Amino acid sequence: MKNKKQLYSSGAPWENMVGYSRAVKVGNVIEISGTTAVDGDKVVGKDNLYDQAFFIFQKIEKILVEAGSSLDDVVRTRMYVTNIADWEEAGKAHAHFFTKIKPATTMIEVSRLIDEELLIEIEVTAIIADEK
C-alpha cells in the first residue's frame, strides 16, 4: 500500500509563488521546510537570534501538532545562521525545546537569508514512532 502524501500550508503567499509546502507528511515521516521568524509581514525578534529561534521552534511545534505529531518525534534539526559567532543563542533556544529529545542537529553559517533582518532559518525532520 502506497503512503499518501499530505501537504501542510502556513498560508504564506510565497508558498504558491515558489511552489513549496510548509510541511510534507508521507507515512510517519514529516519534513518541515526552512522556517523563519516571520509573522505576517513582520520579523519577530529583530536583532535577536535567540528570540527568532524560539519563535521559529514554536511555529514548528504548531505545524507538527497539525500533522499529528509533536516535538518528541523530531529526529533532526538543521539551523542556518547568518553569524556563527552567535551559535550559543541558537543553541539555547534549541535546548529549551529539545534538551530531553536530543535530535541529530546541524548548524551552518550562511552569508544571508531572504530578508536581511532574518538571523536564522530552521528545518526539521520528524518520524512518528509506532509506540510512544
Protein backbone atom coordinates (compact mmCIF):
# COMPACT_ATOMS: atom_id res chain seq x y z
CA MET A 1 0.00 0.00 0.00
CA LYS A 2 1.41 3.34 -1.06
CA ASN A 3 1.71 6.07 1.58
CA LYS A 4 -0.39 9.12 0.84
CA LYS A 5 1.45 12.44 0.72
CA GLN A 6 -0.16 15.17 2.82
CA LEU A 7 0.76 18.82 2.32
CA TYR A 8 0.53 21.47 5.04
CA SER A 9 0.46 25.21 4.40
CA SER A 10 1.08 28.21 6.60
CA GLY A 11 -0.95 30.34 4.22
CA ALA A 12 2.08 32.43 3.26
CA PRO A 13 1.74 33.80 -0.29
CA TRP A 14 5.25 32.72 -1.30
CA GLU A 15 4.36 29.03 -0.86
CA ASN A 16 2.37 29.15 -4.11
CA MET A 17 4.72 31.67 -5.70
CA VAL A 18 7.77 29.44 -5.14
CA GLY A 19 5.93 26.09 -5.22
CA TYR A 20 6.56 24.53 -1.82
CA SER A 21 4.69 23.41 1.28
CA ARG A 22 5.36 24.40 4.89
CA ALA A 23 5.45 20.69 5.67
CA VAL A 24 5.03 17.38 3.86
CA LYS A 25 3.98 14.15 5.57
CA VAL A 26 4.42 10.77 3.94
CA GLY A 27 3.54 7.83 6.13
CA ASN A 28 5.08 8.50 9.51
CA VAL A 29 7.72 10.97 8.23
CA ILE A 30 7.23 14.75 8.37
CA GLU A 31 9.61 17.17 6.67
CA ILE A 32 9.26 20.82 7.63
CA SER A 33 10.59 23.42 5.23
CA GLY A 34 13.00 26.13 6.22
CA THR A 35 11.14 28.25 8.76
CA THR A 36 11.96 31.83 9.70
CA ALA A 37 10.82 34.32 12.31
CA VAL A 38 8.29 35.99 10.03
CA ASP A 39 4.83 36.61 11.43
CA GLY A 40 2.57 38.06 8.76
CA ASP A 41 4.62 40.87 7.26
CA LYS A 42 6.98 41.49 10.19
CA VAL A 43 10.13 39.85 11.52
CA VAL A 44 9.85 38.73 15.14
CA GLY A 45 12.92 39.32 17.32
CA LYS A 46 14.73 41.80 15.13
CA ASP A 47 18.45 41.77 16.01
CA ASN A 48 17.94 38.91 18.50
CA LEU A 49 18.91 35.43 17.35
CA TYR A 50 17.56 33.70 20.46
CA ASP A 51 14.12 35.33 20.10
CA GLN A 52 13.97 34.45 16.41
CA ALA A 53 14.95 30.82 17.03
CA PHE A 54 12.49 30.49 19.92
CA PHE A 55 9.65 31.86 17.76
CA ILE A 56 10.59 29.50 14.92
CA PHE A 57 10.53 26.44 17.17
CA GLN A 58 7.07 27.49 18.38
CA LYS A 59 5.92 27.71 14.73
CA ILE A 60 7.42 24.30 14.02
CA GLU A 61 5.71 22.79 17.04
CA LYS A 62 2.33 24.07 15.79
CA ILE A 63 2.73 22.51 12.35
CA LEU A 64 3.88 19.22 13.90
CA VAL A 65 0.74 19.11 16.03
CA GLU A 66 -1.38 19.89 12.97
CA ALA A 67 0.27 16.93 11.23
CA GLY A 68 -0.48 14.59 14.13
CA SER A 69 2.96 14.72 15.69
CA SER A 70 4.93 16.61 18.33
CA LEU A 71 8.42 17.80 19.13
CA ASP A 72 9.03 14.38 20.71
CA ASP A 73 9.06 12.89 17.20
CA VAL A 74 11.79 15.22 15.88
CA VAL A 75 14.87 13.25 14.80
CA ARG A 76 16.81 16.00 13.01
CA THR A 77 17.11 19.78 13.05
CA ARG A 78 19.08 22.00 10.70
CA MET A 79 19.85 25.58 11.67
CA TYR A 80 21.18 28.11 9.17
CA VAL A 81 22.59 31.19 10.92
CA THR A 82 23.97 34.37 9.41
CA ASN A 83 26.64 34.74 12.10
CA ILE A 84 28.14 31.56 13.54
CA ALA A 85 29.69 33.61 16.36
CA ASP A 86 26.16 33.78 17.81
CA TRP A 87 25.78 29.99 17.82
CA GLU A 88 25.16 29.87 21.56
CA GLU A 89 21.96 31.91 21.22
CA ALA A 90 20.59 29.45 18.67
CA GLY A 91 21.81 26.60 20.87
CA LYS A 92 19.99 27.96 23.94
CA ALA A 93 16.70 28.16 22.06
CA HIS A 94 17.24 24.66 20.64
CA ALA A 95 17.98 23.31 24.12
CA HIS A 96 14.81 24.89 25.51
CA PHE A 97 12.73 22.68 23.22
CA PHE A 98 14.99 19.63 22.80
CA THR A 99 17.02 19.06 25.99
CA LYS A 100 15.33 15.70 26.62
CA ILE A 101 14.61 14.80 22.98
CA LYS A 102 18.16 15.34 21.65
CA PRO A 103 17.66 15.06 17.88
CA ALA A 104 20.59 14.99 15.49
CA THR A 105 21.36 18.57 14.53
CA THR A 106 23.44 20.70 12.23
CA MET A 107 24.24 24.40 12.44
CA ILE A 108 25.69 26.09 9.38
CA GLU A 109 26.65 29.70 8.75
CA VAL A 110 25.22 31.17 5.56
CA SER A 111 26.07 34.52 4.00
CA ARG A 112 22.48 35.76 4.27
CA LEU A 113 18.83 34.79 4.24
CA ILE A 114 15.97 36.11 2.10
CA ASP A 115 15.49 39.17 4.36
CA GLU A 116 18.46 40.91 5.97
CA GLU A 117 16.60 41.08 9.32
CA LEU A 118 16.42 37.28 9.47
CA LEU A 119 19.26 35.79 11.51
CA ILE A 120 18.28 32.09 11.40
CA GLU A 121 16.25 29.62 9.35
CA ILE A 122 15.41 26.15 10.69
CA GLU A 123 14.36 22.86 9.05
CA VAL A 124 13.06 19.82 10.92
CA THR A 125 12.50 16.14 10.21
CA ALA A 126 10.13 14.17 12.44
CA ILE A 127 9.32 10.48 12.42
CA ILE A 128 6.20 9.46 14.28
CA ALA A 129 7.09 6.42 16.35
CA ASP A 130 4.77 3.40 16.24
CA GLU A 131 4.83 3.29 20.02
CA LYS A 132 5.07 6.22 22.37
